[in-house]
Amino acid sequence: MRAGPGRGLVVIVALLLAASGCGDDRPAETAPEPEPTPSDTGVPTITALPVPEEPPTGTLIADMRQSSRDAAAGRMEVWIDNDTTEDVTPTRITYTDPRFRTALEGERLREIPAQSTRGFPLYLPARPTCGSSNDVPVVLDDPLGTITVEYAGATQTIQVEDSTDVAGRYTRARCLEMAIGDVATLSWSDQVTDGDPTRTPVGGEGVLELVLVPTGRPGADLTIDTVSGTPILSPVGTDAWRPGVSVSGTDGPLRVPLPLKPTRCDAHAFAESGGATAFKIGLTLGGEPGQITLRMTPEGAANAIAFARASCGMLETVDGGVEG
């Protein structure tokens, strides 16, 4: 006997109910209640406002700086901050300082956009003002130097901040060098070994000579107290050379031998060897202590580095390997 359409529908519904009864008896999880918003709770919201920028001062601001590259090139740089709303293109920049005999002219003149800063090189004079004027103490919040900027028919003269005393340090060092030059000329020999420095055996030592040639004029005595090593070249058996030799202007020439060896034998040291042949010399002139930096000539520097390279042999690399 064939079932009618209504009976079949009843069977399907019963099967579906049975299937649902075989499932998990745990109650179904409900979705979490949404967090109340500030508008729901009545709590007012605060929108953070951007910090207002300080308005331009409407003037130029200057400070003095000197990188190691500047020092090697015999210059310093005045950095000018154009704290105005208009671009400024200097036609002339002059730095005036009582420690220098004449004003120094700024180089590489170019536009200074509004609210930006540009640096301008000032080449240092070979003969600054030495004597009593250099006894004036440098007060960092009251600079000695001023910069005059000429542009578009206008002129501004402003004080130059010099927080690291660039101009003062150069003046004192150069005046000391000039005073030493009144007694003797100091230089390095161009050879660090007898013969070809590249034939130095691995682990071999060399000798660098400090040469003093007195001027022949009477004056103060000069004593060489210490000579410091460099990242590439070091004294043998001590932390610094201590010659302890003295000369006067009327003495004969003097050569001071300084036994040396490589400071370190890694590739990084040789790759960064810009100051490898610039030695700091501690001295006493007329009873007053001082210090100068004395560089080797290009030929002498090449020979000194060649000696250190040959003495090292294989160079260690950063990753622990070796470099031939």
C-alpha atoms as a PDB file:
ATOM      1  CA  MET A   1       0.000   0.000   0.000  1.00  0.00           C
ATOM      2  CA  ARG A   2       1.534   3.347  -0.999  1.00  0.00           C
ATOM      3  CA  ALA A   3       1.832   6.140   1.563  1.00  0.00           C
ATOM      4  CA  GLY A   4       0.297   9.479   0.799  1.00  0.00           C
ATOM      5  CA  PRO A   5       2.134  12.781   0.631  1.00  0.00           C
ATOM      6  CA  GLY A   6       1.117  13.815   4.142  1.00  0.00           C
ATOM      7  CA  ARG A   7       2.545  10.654   5.723  1.00  0.00           C
ATOM      8  CA  GLY A   8       5.949  11.178   4.064  1.00  0.00           C
ATOM      9  CA  LEU A   9       6.191  14.686   5.429  1.00  0.00           C
ATOM     10  CA  VAL A  10       5.545  13.446   8.970  1.00  0.00           C
ATOM     11  CA  VAL A  11       8.371  10.879   8.660  1.00  0.00           C
ATOM     12  CA  ILE A  12      10.910  13.523   7.512  1.00  0.00           C
ATOM     13  CA  VAL A  13      10.041  15.825  10.406  1.00  0.00           C
ATOM     14  CA  ALA A  14      10.415  12.972  12.887  1.00  0.00           C
ATOM     15  CA  LEU A  15      13.854  12.063  11.513  1.00  0.00           C
ATOM     16  CA  LEU A  16      15.027  15.642  11.802  1.00  0.00           C
ATOM     17  CA  LEU A  17      13.884  15.834  15.419  1.00  0.00           C
ATOM     18  CA  ALA A  18      15.680  12.590  16.258  1.00  0.00           C
ATOM     19  CA  ALA A  19      18.909  13.851  14.699  1.00  0.00           C
ATOM     20  CA  SER A  20      18.811  17.017  16.710  1.00  0.00           C
ATOM     21  CA  GLY A  21      18.347  15.023  19.897  1.00  0.00           C
ATOM     22  CA  CYS A  22      21.614  13.130  19.298  1.00  0.00           C
ATOM     23  CA  GLY A  23      23.730  16.325  19.415  1.00  0.00           C
ATOM     24  CA  ASP A  24      25.477  18.114  22.324  1.00  0.00           C
ATOM     25  CA  ASP A  25      23.221  18.511  25.355  1.00  0.00           C
ATOM     26  CA  ARG A  26      25.161  21.694  26.473  1.00  0.00           C
ATOM     27  CA  PRO A  27      23.273  24.932  26.011  1.00  0.00           C
ATOM     28  CA  ALA A  28      24.365  26.969  23.033  1.00  0.00           C
ATOM     29  CA  GLU A  29      26.840  29.769  23.762  1.00  0.00           C
ATOM     30  CA  THR A  30      25.494  33.249  23.434  1.00  0.00           C
ATOM     31  CA  ALA A  31      27.382  36.172  21.902  1.00  0.00           C
ATOM     32  CA  PRO A  32      28.945  38.564  24.487  1.00  0.00           C
ATOM     33  CA  GLU A  33      27.129  41.731  25.223  1.00  0.00           C
ATOM     34  CA  PRO A  34      28.725  44.691  23.393  1.00  0.00           C
ATOM     35  CA  GLU A  35      30.741  47.103  25.498  1.00  0.00           C
ATOM     36  CA  PRO A  36      28.842  50.241  26.291  1.00  0.00           C
ATOM     37  CA  THR A  37      29.957  53.255  24.312  1.00  0.00           C
ATOM     38  CA  PRO A  38      30.587  56.653  25.926  1.00  0.00           C
ATOM     39  CA  SER A  39      27.321  57.843  24.426  1.00  0.00           C
ATOM     40  CA  ASP A  40      25.490  54.946  26.130  1.00  0.00           C
ATOM     41  CA  THR A  41      26.992  55.656  29.565  1.00  0.00           C
ATOM     42  CA  GLY A  42      26.733  59.394  29.350  1.00  0.00           C
ATOM     43  CA  VAL A  43      30.527  59.854  29.864  1.00  0.00           C
ATOM     44  CA  PRO A  44      31.823  62.722  27.675  1.00  0.00           C
ATOM     45  CA  THR A  45      34.745  62.036  25.313  1.00  0.00           C
ATOM     46  CA  ILE A  46      37.803  64.308  24.798  1.00  0.00           C
ATOM     47  CA  THR A  47      39.514  64.575  21.416  1.00  0.00           C
ATOM     48  CA  ALA A  48      43.293  65.275  21.653  1.00  0.00           C
ATOM     49  CA  LEU A  49      44.264  68.472  19.909  1.00  0.00           C
ATOM     50  CA  PRO A  50      47.596  68.768  18.050  1.00  0.00           C
ATOM     51  CA  VAL A  51      50.343  70.602  19.908  1.00  0.00           C
ATOM     52  CA  PRO A  52      50.582  74.077  18.389  1.00  0.00           C
ATOM     53  CA  GLU A  53      53.896  74.910  16.742  1.00  0.00           C
ATOM     54  CA  GLU A  54      55.856  77.836  18.097  1.00  0.00           C
ATOM     55  CA  PRO A  55      55.693  80.798  15.746  1.00  0.00           C
ATOM     56  CA  PRO A  56      58.930  81.757  13.926  1.00  0.00           C
ATOM     57  CA  THR A  57      61.113  84.287  15.703  1.00  0.00           C
ATOM     58  CA  GLY A  58      61.519  86.196  12.446  1.00  0.00           C
ATOM     59  CA  THR A  59      65.297  86.219  12.643  1.00  0.00           C
ATOM     60  CA  LEU A  60      68.388  84.143  11.811  1.00  0.00           C
ATOM     61  CA  ILE A  61      70.088  81.953  14.417  1.00  0.00           C
ATOM     62  CA  ALA A  62      73.706  80.780  14.095  1.00  0.00           C
ATOM     63  CA  ASP A  63      75.944  78.226  15.798  1.00  0.00           C
ATOM     64  CA  MET A  64      79.490  77.006  15.153  1.00  0.00           C
ATOM     65  CA  ARG A  65      80.365  73.376  14.488  1.00  0.00           C
ATOM     66  CA  GLN A  66      83.396  71.380  13.328  1.00  0.00           C
ATOM     67  CA  SER A  67      83.459  67.775  12.129  1.00  0.00           C
ATOM     68  CA  SER A  68      86.636  65.703  11.920  1.00  0.00           C
ATOM     69  CA  ARG A  69      86.599  66.303   8.166  1.00  0.00           C
ATOM     70  CA  ASP A  70      86.380  70.055   8.748  1.00  0.00           C
ATOM     71  CA  ALA A  71      89.310  69.927  11.179  1.00  0.00           C
ATOM     72  CA  ALA A  72      91.442  67.991   8.678  1.00  0.00           C
ATOM     73  CA  ALA A  73      90.591  70.577   6.003  1.00  0.00           C
ATOM     74  CA  GLY A  74      91.512  73.506   8.277  1.00  0.00           C
ATOM     75  CA  ARG A  75      88.018  74.947   8.576  1.00  0.00           C
ATOM     76  CA  MET A  76      84.962  75.231  10.785  1.00  0.00           C
ATOM     77  CA  GLU A  77      81.323  75.670   9.765  1.00  0.00           C
ATOM     78  CA  VAL A  78      78.745  78.228  10.799  1.00  0.00           C
ATOM     79  CA  TRP A  79      75.231  76.792  10.632  1.00  0.00           C
ATOM     80  CA  ILE A  80      72.478  79.325  10.019  1.00  0.00           C
ATOM     81  CA  ASP A  81      68.898  78.560  11.022  1.00  0.00           C
ATOM     82  CA  ASN A  82      66.448  80.600   8.956  1.00  0.00           C
ATOM     83  CA  ASP A  83      63.720  81.005  11.575  1.00  0.00           C
ATOM     84  CA  THR A  84      61.571  83.227   9.362  1.00  0.00           C
ATOM     85  CA  THR A  85      58.704  82.676   6.958  1.00  0.00           C
ATOM     86  CA  GLU A  86      60.695  83.669   3.859  1.00  0.00           C
ATOM     87  CA  ASP A  87      63.548  81.959   1.994  1.00  0.00           C
ATOM     88  CA  VAL A  88      66.922  83.692   2.391  1.00  0.00           C
ATOM     89  CA  THR A  89      69.728  83.566  -0.170  1.00  0.00           C
ATOM     90  CA  PRO A  90      72.950  85.056   1.274  1.00  0.00           C
ATOM     91  CA  THR A  91      75.123  87.099  -1.067  1.00  0.00           C
ATOM     92  CA  ARG A  92      77.854  87.418   1.560  1.00  0.00           C
ATOM     93  CA  ILE A  93      78.603  85.860   4.961  1.00  0.00           C
ATOM     94  CA  THR A  94      81.372  87.175   7.220  1.00  0.00           C
ATOM     95  CA  TYR A  95      82.448  85.933  10.637  1.00  0.00           C
ATOM     96  CA  THR A  96      84.129  88.440  12.976  1.00  0.00           C
ATOM     97  CA  ASP A  97      86.004  87.375  16.112  1.00  0.00           C
ATOM     98  CA  PRO A  98      88.674  89.237  18.143  1.00  0.00           C
ATOM     99  CA  ARG A  99      90.759  86.048  18.114  1.00  0.00           C
ATOM    100  CA  PHE A 100      91.230  86.430  14.341  1.00  0.00           C
ATOM    101  CA  ARG A 101      93.041  89.334  12.708  1.00  0.00           C
ATOM    102  CA  THR A 102      90.513  89.699   9.877  1.00  0.00           C
ATOM    103  CA  ALA A 103      86.933  88.641   9.193  1.00  0.00           C
ATOM    104  CA  LEU A 104      86.465  85.160   7.735  1.00  0.00           C
ATOM    105  CA  GLU A 105      84.430  84.825   4.543  1.00  0.00           C
ATOM    106  CA  GLY A 106      81.759  82.119   4.336  1.00  0.00           C
ATOM    107  CA  GLU A 107      81.976  79.683   1.430  1.00  0.00           C
ATOM    108  CA  ARG A 108      79.373  77.707  -0.592  1.00  0.00           C
ATOM    109  CA  LEU A 109      76.717  80.417  -0.452  1.00  0.00           C
ATOM    110  CA  ARG A 110      73.250  79.049  -1.261  1.00  0.00           C
ATOM    111  CA  GLU A 111      69.596  79.467  -0.386  1.00  0.00           C
ATOM    112  CA  ILE A 112      68.379  78.796   3.148  1.00  0.00           C
ATOM    113  CA  PRO A 113      64.687  77.878   2.887  1.00  0.00           C
ATOM    114  CA  ALA A 114      62.356  79.165   5.587  1.00  0.00           C
ATOM    115  CA  GLN A 115      62.406  77.042   8.743  1.00  0.00           C
ATOM    116  CA  SER A 116      65.541  75.155   7.659  1.00  0.00           C
ATOM    117  CA  THR A 117      69.273  75.177   8.427  1.00  0.00           C
ATOM    118  CA  ARG A 118      72.360  75.289   6.189  1.00  0.00           C
ATOM    119  CA  GLY A 119      76.091  75.100   6.970  1.00  0.00           C
ATOM    120  CA  PHE A 120      78.721  77.400   5.467  1.00  0.00           C
ATOM    121  CA  PRO A 121      82.491  76.639   5.710  1.00  0.00           C
ATOM    122  CA  LEU A 122      84.867  79.200   7.191  1.00  0.00           C
ATOM    123  CA  TYR A 123      88.553  78.550   6.504  1.00  0.00           C
ATOM    124  CA  LEU A 124      90.706  79.177   9.563  1.00  0.00           C
ATOM    125  CA  PRO A 125      93.623  81.611   9.329  1.00  0.00           C
ATOM    126  CA  ALA A 126      97.187  80.374   9.659  1.00  0.00           C
ATOM    127  CA  ARG A 127      98.024  83.215  12.064  1.00  0.00           C
ATOM    128  CA  PRO A 128      95.277  83.986  14.589  1.00  0.00           C
ATOM    129  CA  THR A 129      95.646  86.751  17.161  1.00  0.00           C
ATOM    130  CA  CYS A 130      97.939  85.427  19.888  1.00  0.00           C
ATOM    131  CA  GLY A 131      98.769  87.068  23.189  1.00  0.00           C
ATOM    132  CA  SER A 132      96.682  88.814  25.803  1.00  0.00           C
ATOM    133  CA  SER A 133      93.487  88.767  23.728  1.00  0.00           C
ATOM    134  CA  ASN A 134      93.475  84.976  23.975  1.00  0.00           C
ATOM    135  CA  ASP A 135      93.497  85.188  27.776  1.00  0.00           C
ATOM    136  CA  VAL A 136      89.869  86.338  27.682  1.00  0.00           C
ATOM    137  CA  PRO A 137      87.813  83.410  29.008  1.00  0.00           C
ATOM    138  CA  VAL A 138      85.249  81.962  26.624  1.00  0.00           C
ATOM    139  CA  VAL A 139      81.789  82.276  28.204  1.00  0.00           C
ATOM    140  CA  LEU A 140      79.585  79.796  26.396  1.00  0.00           C
ATOM    141  CA  ASP A 141      76.379  81.818  26.792  1.00  0.00           C
ATOM    142  CA  ASP A 142      78.103  85.025  25.672  1.00  0.00           C
ATOM    143  CA  PRO A 143      79.898  84.153  22.410  1.00  0.00           C
ATOM    144  CA  LEU A 144      82.809  86.224  21.155  1.00  0.00           C
ATOM    145  CA  GLY A 145      82.085  85.795  17.432  1.00  0.00           C
ATOM    146  CA  THR A 146      79.370  87.364  15.297  1.00  0.00           C
ATOM    147  CA  ILE A 147      78.130  86.513  11.820  1.00  0.00           C
ATOM    148  CA  THR A 148      76.939  89.124   9.319  1.00  0.00           C
ATOM    149  CA  VAL A 149      74.575  87.866   6.621  1.00  0.00           C
ATOM    150  CA  GLU A 150      73.820  90.029   3.579  1.00  0.00           C
ATOM    151  CA  TYR A 151      70.843  89.090   1.407  1.00  0.00           C
ATOM    152  CA  ALA A 152      68.341  90.838  -0.888  1.00  0.00           C
ATOM    153  CA  GLY A 153      69.398  94.293   0.209  1.00  0.00           C
ATOM    154  CA  ALA A 154      69.146  93.410   3.910  1.00  0.00           C
ATOM    155  CA  THR A 155      71.868  92.800   6.499  1.00  0.00           C
ATOM    156  CA  GLN A 156      71.663  90.926   9.798  1.00  0.00           C
ATOM    157  CA  THR A 157      74.480  90.652  12.356  1.00  0.00           C
ATOM    158  CA  ILE A 158      73.949  88.029  15.038  1.00  0.00           C
ATOM    159  CA  GLN A 159      76.019  86.349  17.723  1.00  0.00           C
ATOM    160  CA  VAL A 160      77.223  82.829  17.015  1.00  0.00           C
ATOM    161  CA  GLU A 161      76.699  80.143  19.633  1.00  0.00           C
ATOM    162  CA  ASP A 162      79.905  78.118  20.030  1.00  0.00           C
ATOM    163  CA  SER A 163      79.070  75.552  22.709  1.00  0.00           C
ATOM    164  CA  THR A 164      82.123  73.376  21.924  1.00  0.00           C
ATOM    165  CA  ASP A 165      84.482  76.391  21.699  1.00  0.00           C
ATOM    166  CA  VAL A 166      85.597  75.587  18.142  1.00  0.00           C
ATOM    167  CA  ALA A 167      87.192  78.983  17.521  1.00  0.00           C
ATOM    168  CA  GLY A 168      88.827  79.094  20.957  1.00  0.00           C
ATOM    169  CA  ARG A 169      90.289  75.603  20.755  1.00  0.00           C
ATOM    170  CA  TYR A 170      91.756  76.273  17.316  1.00  0.00           C
ATOM    171  CA  THR A 171      93.244  79.595  18.404  1.00  0.00           C
ATOM    172  CA  ARG A 172      94.916  78.141  21.483  1.00  0.00           C
ATOM    173  CA  ALA A 173      96.317  75.157  19.546  1.00  0.00           C
ATOM    174  CA  ARG A 174      97.576  77.272  16.655  1.00  0.00           C
ATOM    175  CA  CYS A 175      99.139  79.884  18.925  1.00  0.00           C
ATOM    176  CA  LEU A 176     100.964  77.104  20.763  1.00  0.00           C
ATOM    177  CA  GLU A 177     102.242  75.718  17.460  1.00  0.00           C
ATOM    178  CA  MET A 178     103.503  79.163  16.489  1.00  0.00           C
ATOM    179  CA  ALA A 179     105.268  79.557  19.845  1.00  0.00           C
ATOM    180  CA  ILE A 180     106.914  76.149  19.395  1.00  0.00           C
ATOM    181  CA  GLY A 181     107.972  77.238  15.902  1.00  0.00           C
ATOM    182  CA  ASP A 182     109.939  80.093  17.468  1.00  0.00           C
ATOM    183  CA  VAL A 183     112.108  77.453  19.153  1.00  0.00           C
ATOM    184  CA  ALA A 184     112.240  74.542  16.713  1.00  0.00           C
ATOM    185  CA  THR A 185     110.516  72.897  13.779  1.00  0.00           C
ATOM    186  CA  LEU A 186     109.014  69.475  14.564  1.00  0.00           C
ATOM    187  CA  SER A 187     108.445  66.783  11.934  1.00  0.00           C
ATOM    188  CA  TRP A 188     108.412  63.012  11.444  1.00  0.00           C
ATOM    189  CA  SER A 189     110.902  60.998   9.467  1.00  0.00           C
ATOM    190  CA  ASP A 190     109.385  59.470   6.321  1.00  0.00           C
ATOM    191  CA  GLN A 191     110.873  56.039   7.107  1.00  0.00           C
ATOM    192  CA  VAL A 192     109.815  53.705   9.911  1.00  0.00           C
ATOM    193  CA  THR A 193     112.422  50.995   9.222  1.00  0.00           C
ATOM    194  CA  ASP A 194     115.714  50.702   7.426  1.00  0.00           C
ATOM    195  CA  GLY A 195     114.902  49.863   3.839  1.00  0.00           C
ATOM    196  CA  ASP A 196     111.580  48.802   2.345  1.00  0.00           C
ATOM    197  CA  PRO A 197     108.857  48.756   5.053  1.00  0.00           C
ATOM    198  CA  THR A 198     106.855  46.157   3.104  1.00  0.00           C
ATOM    199  CA  ARG A 199     109.684  43.640   3.711  1.00  0.00           C
ATOM    200  CA  THR A 200     109.217  43.820   7.472  1.00  0.00           C
ATOM    201  CA  PRO A 201     108.839  40.264   8.846  1.00  0.00           C
ATOM    202  CA  VAL A 202     105.561  39.287  10.481  1.00  0.00           C
ATOM    203  CA  GLY A 203     105.724  40.468  14.098  1.00  0.00           C
ATOM    204  CA  GLY A 204     108.649  42.757  13.295  1.00  0.00           C
ATOM    205  CA  GLU A 205     109.166  46.105  15.006  1.00  0.00           C
ATOM    206  CA  GLY A 206     110.072  49.428  13.459  1.00  0.00           C
ATOM    207  CA  VAL A 207     111.473  52.783  14.502  1.00  0.00           C
ATOM    208  CA  LEU A 208     109.870  56.161  13.874  1.00  0.00           C
ATOM    209  CA  GLU A 209     111.981  59.277  14.372  1.00  0.00           C
ATOM    210  CA  LEU A 210     110.801  62.634  15.671  1.00  0.00           C
ATOM    211  CA  VAL A 211     112.988  65.332  14.117  1.00  0.00           C
ATOM    212  CA  LEU A 212     113.603  68.640  15.928  1.00  0.00           C
ATOM    213  CA  VAL A 213     115.412  71.413  14.058  1.00  0.00           C
ATOM    214  CA  PRO A 214     116.024  74.501  16.298  1.00  0.00           C
ATOM    215  CA  THR A 215     115.603  77.938  14.738  1.00  0.00           C
ATOM    216  CA  GLY A 216     118.930  79.329  15.941  1.00  0.00           C
ATOM    217  CA  ARG A 217     117.156  82.092  17.883  1.00  0.00           C
ATOM    218  CA  PRO A 218     117.429  82.282  21.679  1.00  0.00           C
ATOM    219  CA  GLY A 219     114.235  81.850  23.641  1.00  0.00           C
ATOM    220  CA  ALA A 220     112.268  79.415  25.770  1.00  0.00           C
ATOM    221  CA  ASP A 221     113.256  75.764  26.204  1.00  0.00           C
ATOM    222  CA  LEU A 222     111.083  73.081  24.616  1.00  0.00           C
ATOM    223  CA  THR A 223     110.708  69.643  26.256  1.00  0.00           C
ATOM    224  CA  ILE A 224     109.037  66.669  24.560  1.00  0.00           C
ATOM    225  CA  ASP A 225     107.331  64.869  27.428  1.00  0.00           C
ATOM    226  CA  THR A 226     105.108  62.216  25.800  1.00  0.00           C
ATOM    227  CA  VAL A 227     104.043  60.944  22.410  1.00  0.00           C
ATOM    228  CA  SER A 228     100.823  58.923  22.155  1.00  0.00           C
ATOM    229  CA  GLY A 229     100.185  56.069  19.760  1.00  0.00           C
ATOM    230  CA  THR A 230      97.429  55.884  17.148  1.00  0.00           C
ATOM    231  CA  PRO A 231      94.815  53.250  16.190  1.00  0.00           C
ATOM    232  CA  ILE A 232      97.447  51.684  13.884  1.00  0.00           C
ATOM    233  CA  LEU A 233     100.861  52.458  15.444  1.00  0.00           C
ATOM    234  CA  SER A 234     101.866  52.007  19.107  1.00  0.00           C
ATOM    235  CA  PRO A 235     105.016  52.214  21.244  1.00  0.00           C
ATOM    236  CA  VAL A 236     106.859  49.013  22.109  1.00  0.00           C
ATOM    237  CA  GLY A 237     106.654  47.926  25.750  1.00  0.00           C
ATOM    238  CA  THR A 238     104.787  50.960  27.109  1.00  0.00           C
ATOM    239  CA  ASP A 239     101.498  52.842  26.793  1.00  0.00           C
ATOM    240  CA  ALA A 240     103.172  55.991  25.421  1.00  0.00           C
ATOM    241  CA  TRP A 241     106.608  57.151  24.383  1.00  0.00           C
ATOM    242  CA  ARG A 242     108.276  59.350  26.987  1.00  0.00           C
ATOM    243  CA  PRO A 243     111.345  60.892  25.322  1.00  0.00           C
ATOM    244  CA  GLY A 244     111.959  63.565  27.976  1.00  0.00           C
ATOM    245  CA  VAL A 245     114.291  65.466  25.630  1.00  0.00           C
ATOM    246  CA  SER A 246     114.735  69.245  25.704  1.00  0.00           C
ATOM    247  CA  VAL A 247     116.048  71.728  23.165  1.00  0.00           C
ATOM    248  CA  SER A 248     116.514  75.482  22.966  1.00  0.00           C
ATOM    249  CA  GLY A 249     116.504  77.613  19.871  1.00  0.00           C
ATOM    250  CA  THR A 250     120.301  77.703  19.713  1.00  0.00           C
ATOM    251  CA  ASP A 251     120.860  73.926  19.964  1.00  0.00           C
ATOM    252  CA  GLY A 252     121.708  71.652  17.048  1.00  0.00           C
ATOM    253  CA  PRO A 253     119.224  69.356  15.249  1.00  0.00           C
ATOM    254  CA  LEU A 254     117.977  66.352  17.203  1.00  0.00           C
ATOM    255  CA  ARG A 255     116.464  63.056  16.084  1.00  0.00           C
ATOM    256  CA  VAL A 256     114.459  61.107  18.676  1.00  0.00           C
ATOM    257  CA  PRO A 257     113.966  57.382  17.872  1.00  0.00           C
ATOM    258  CA  LEU A 258     110.610  55.884  18.880  1.00  0.00           C
ATOM    259  CA  PRO A 259     110.360  52.059  18.629  1.00  0.00           C
ATOM    260  CA  LEU A 260     106.918  51.071  17.351  1.00  0.00           C
ATOM    261  CA  LYS A 261     104.706  48.137  16.444  1.00  0.00           C
ATOM    262  CA  PRO A 262     101.188  47.690  15.046  1.00  0.00           C
ATOM    263  CA  THR A 263      98.468  48.596  17.541  1.00  0.00           C
ATOM    264  CA  ARG A 264      96.023  45.947  16.319  1.00  0.00           C
ATOM    265  CA  CYS A 265      95.887  43.641  13.360  1.00  0.00           C
ATOM    266  CA  ASP A 266      92.295  43.671  12.212  1.00  0.00           C
ATOM    267  CA  ALA A 267      90.951  44.785   8.868  1.00  0.00           C
ATOM    268  CA  HIS A 268      88.545  47.292  10.412  1.00  0.00           C
ATOM    269  CA  ALA A 269      91.373  49.246  12.059  1.00  0.00           C
ATOM    270  CA  PHE A 270      93.183  49.624   8.743  1.00  0.00           C
ATOM    271  CA  ALA A 271      89.983  50.512   6.883  1.00  0.00           C
ATOM    272  CA  GLU A 272      89.328  53.344   9.371  1.00  0.00           C
ATOM    273  CA  SER A 273      92.927  54.552   9.506  1.00  0.00           C
ATOM    274  CA  GLY A 274      92.285  58.254   8.861  1.00  0.00           C
ATOM    275  CA  GLY A 275      94.083  59.228  12.078  1.00  0.00           C
ATOM    276  CA  ALA A 276      96.662  56.457  11.893  1.00  0.00           C
ATOM    277  CA  THR A 277      99.618  58.798  11.445  1.00  0.00           C
ATOM    278  CA  ALA A 278      98.533  61.825  13.507  1.00  0.00           C
ATOM    279  CA  PHE A 279     100.344  61.677  16.864  1.00  0.00           C
ATOM    280  CA  LYS A 280      99.501  63.733  19.937  1.00  0.00           C
ATOM    281  CA  ILE A 281     102.610  65.213  21.557  1.00  0.00           C
ATOM    282  CA  GLY A 282     102.601  66.363  25.177  1.00  0.00           C
ATOM    283  CA  LEU A 283     105.237  69.035  25.760  1.00  0.00           C
ATOM    284  CA  THR A 284     106.416  71.817  27.999  1.00  0.00           C
ATOM    285  CA  LEU A 285     107.322  75.201  26.522  1.00  0.00           C
ATOM    286  CA  GLY A 286     108.928  77.762  28.779  1.00  0.00           C
ATOM    287  CA  GLY A 287     107.630  75.884  31.823  1.00  0.00           C
ATOM    288  CA  GLU A 288     104.024  75.762  30.536  1.00  0.00           C
ATOM    289  CA  PRO A 289     102.469  72.394  29.544  1.00  0.00           C
ATOM    290  CA  GLY A 290     100.669  71.957  26.237  1.00  0.00           C
ATOM    291  CA  GLN A 291      99.696  69.455  23.586  1.00  0.00           C
ATOM    292  CA  ILE A 292      99.784  69.465  19.791  1.00  0.00           C
ATOM    293  CA  THR A 293      98.896  66.982  17.051  1.00  0.00           C
ATOM    294  CA  LEU A 294     101.720  66.326  14.609  1.00  0.00           C
ATOM    295  CA  ARG A 295     100.877  64.552  11.338  1.00  0.00           C
ATOM    296  CA  MET A 296     103.206  62.636   9.075  1.00  0.00           C
ATOM    297  CA  THR A 297     103.691  63.640   5.454  1.00  0.00           C
ATOM    298  CA  PRO A 298     101.694  61.643   2.855  1.00  0.00           C
ATOM    299  CA  GLU A 299     104.862  59.726   1.932  1.00  0.00           C
ATOM    300  CA  GLY A 300     105.703  58.989   5.551  1.00  0.00           C
ATOM    301  CA  ALA A 301     102.118  57.970   6.309  1.00  0.00           C
ATOM    302  CA  ALA A 302     102.114  55.507   3.394  1.00  0.00           C
ATOM    303  CA  ASN A 303     105.389  53.966   4.617  1.00  0.00           C
ATOM    304  CA  ALA A 304     104.154  53.736   8.214  1.00  0.00           C
ATOM    305  CA  ILE A 305     100.929  51.977   7.240  1.00  0.00           C
ATOM    306  CA  ALA A 306     102.837  49.668   4.896  1.00  0.00           C
ATOM    307  CA  PHE A 307     105.133  48.724   7.785  1.00  0.00           C
ATOM    308  CA  ALA A 308     102.190  47.977  10.109  1.00  0.00           C
ATOM    309  CA  ARG A 309     100.456  45.947   7.401  1.00  0.00           C
ATOM    310  CA  ALA A 310     103.573  43.867   6.758  1.00  0.00           C
ATOM    311  CA  SER A 311     104.213  43.334  10.475  1.00  0.00           C
ATOM    312  CA  CYS A 312     100.640  42.148  10.990  1.00  0.00           C
ATOM    313  CA  GLY A 313     100.692  39.637   8.163  1.00  0.00           C
ATOM    314  CA  MET A 314      97.145  38.275   7.973  1.00  0.00           C
ATOM    315  CA  LEU A 315      94.457  40.684   9.173  1.00  0.00           C
ATOM    316  CA  GLU A 316      91.487  39.513  11.210  1.00  0.00           C
ATOM    317  CA  THR A 317      88.052  40.381   9.836  1.00  0.00           C
ATOM    318  CA  VAL A 318      84.912  41.264  11.760  1.00  0.00           C
ATOM    319  CA  ASP A 319      83.416  37.777  11.248  1.00  0.00           C
ATOM    320  CA  GLY A 320      86.485  36.073  12.725  1.00  0.00           C
ATOM    321  CA  GLY A 321      88.143  35.257   9.411  1.00  0.00           C
ATOM    322  CA  VAL A 322      91.446  36.467   8.032  1.00  0.00           C
ATOM    323  CA  GLU A 323      92.356  38.768   5.191  1.00  0.00           C
ATOM    324  CA  GLY A 324      95.547  38.339   3.249  1.00  0.00           C
END
